[in-house]
């Protein structure tokens, strides 16, 4: 599968949209634009824009689904 070539203006606009959307994720922004999250992440990194990571909903509590020392997730057998 050949990669797509996007104009620099589109890339810049995509990075700006991600950067300026408070609480937006790479996946959400990429879906809106019709590009992959990996592609948008690489454009953001190239532009020096930090990738936001999900943060816990309240202080001291891990985000849902994260392992903690007292609660280990059970691996799924395949």
Protein backbone atom coordinates (compact mmCIF):
# COMPACT_ATOMS: atom_id res chain seq x y z
CA UNK A 1 0.00 0.00 0.00
CA UNK A 2 1.54 3.29 -1.10
CA UNK A 3 1.60 6.23 1.26
CA UNK A 4 -0.34 9.36 0.48
CA UNK A 5 1.34 12.68 -0.09
CA UNK A 6 -0.38 15.54 1.72
CA UNK A 7 0.33 19.21 0.99
CA UNK A 8 2.37 21.04 3.62
CA UNK A 9 -0.54 23.43 4.20
CA UNK A 10 -2.83 20.50 5.06
CA UNK A 11 -0.24 19.08 7.45
CA UNK A 12 0.20 22.45 9.14
CA UNK A 13 -3.55 22.93 9.47
CA UNK A 14 -3.93 19.42 10.89
CA UNK A 15 -1.24 20.04 13.51
CA UNK A 16 -2.82 23.40 14.42
CA UNK A 17 -6.25 21.79 14.77
CA UNK A 18 -4.86 19.16 17.13
CA UNK A 19 -2.84 21.71 19.10
CA UNK A 20 -5.76 24.13 19.45
CA UNK A 21 -8.48 21.59 20.31
CA UNK A 22 -8.59 21.49 24.09
CA UNK A 23 -8.91 17.92 25.31
CA UNK A 24 -8.79 16.52 21.78
CA UNK A 25 -6.83 13.38 21.08
CA UNK A 26 -4.68 12.41 18.14
CA UNK A 27 -7.20 9.68 17.24
CA UNK A 28 -10.17 12.07 17.28
CA UNK A 29 -8.45 14.72 15.21
CA UNK A 30 -7.06 12.16 12.75
CA UNK A 31 -10.51 10.61 12.31
CA UNK A 32 -12.01 14.04 11.60
CA UNK A 33 -9.37 14.66 8.94
CA UNK A 34 -9.38 11.19 7.40
CA UNK A 35 -5.73 10.43 8.20
CA UNK A 36 -4.19 7.82 10.46
CA UNK A 37 -3.25 8.64 14.04
CA UNK A 38 0.33 7.58 13.34
CA UNK A 39 0.54 10.05 10.46
CA UNK A 40 -0.85 12.94 12.51
CA UNK A 41 1.47 12.04 15.41
CA UNK A 42 4.50 12.19 13.12
CA UNK A 43 3.42 15.59 11.76
CA UNK A 44 2.98 16.89 15.31
CA UNK A 45 6.37 15.58 16.39
CA UNK A 46 8.03 17.11 13.32
CA UNK A 47 6.39 20.45 14.17
CA UNK A 48 7.52 20.25 17.81
CA UNK A 49 3.97 19.90 19.13
CA UNK A 50 3.76 17.76 22.24
CA UNK A 51 1.41 14.79 22.14
CA UNK A 52 -1.11 14.92 24.98
CA UNK A 53 -1.66 11.74 26.89
CA UNK A 54 -4.80 10.80 28.77
CA UNK A 55 -4.65 11.93 32.35
CA UNK A 56 -6.44 10.45 35.33
CA UNK A 57 -9.90 11.83 35.96
CA UNK A 58 -9.15 12.64 39.58
CA UNK A 59 -5.93 13.19 41.49
CA UNK A 60 -4.27 10.02 42.66
CA UNK A 61 -6.50 7.67 40.68
CA UNK A 62 -5.25 5.95 37.55
CA UNK A 63 -7.21 6.27 34.34
CA UNK A 64 -9.76 3.48 33.85
CA UNK A 65 -8.20 0.26 32.63
CA UNK A 66 -4.68 0.98 33.88
CA UNK A 67 -2.93 -1.54 36.07
CA UNK A 68 -2.10 -0.54 39.63
CA UNK A 69 0.12 -2.45 42.07
CA UNK A 70 -2.97 -3.75 43.91
CA UNK A 71 -4.98 -4.51 40.77
CA UNK A 72 -3.38 -6.39 37.90
CA UNK A 73 -5.33 -6.97 34.71
CA UNK A 74 -5.73 -10.59 33.67
CA UNK A 75 -4.15 -11.33 30.29
CA UNK A 76 -6.48 -12.65 27.63
CA UNK A 77 -5.64 -16.15 26.42
CA UNK A 78 -5.43 -16.57 22.66
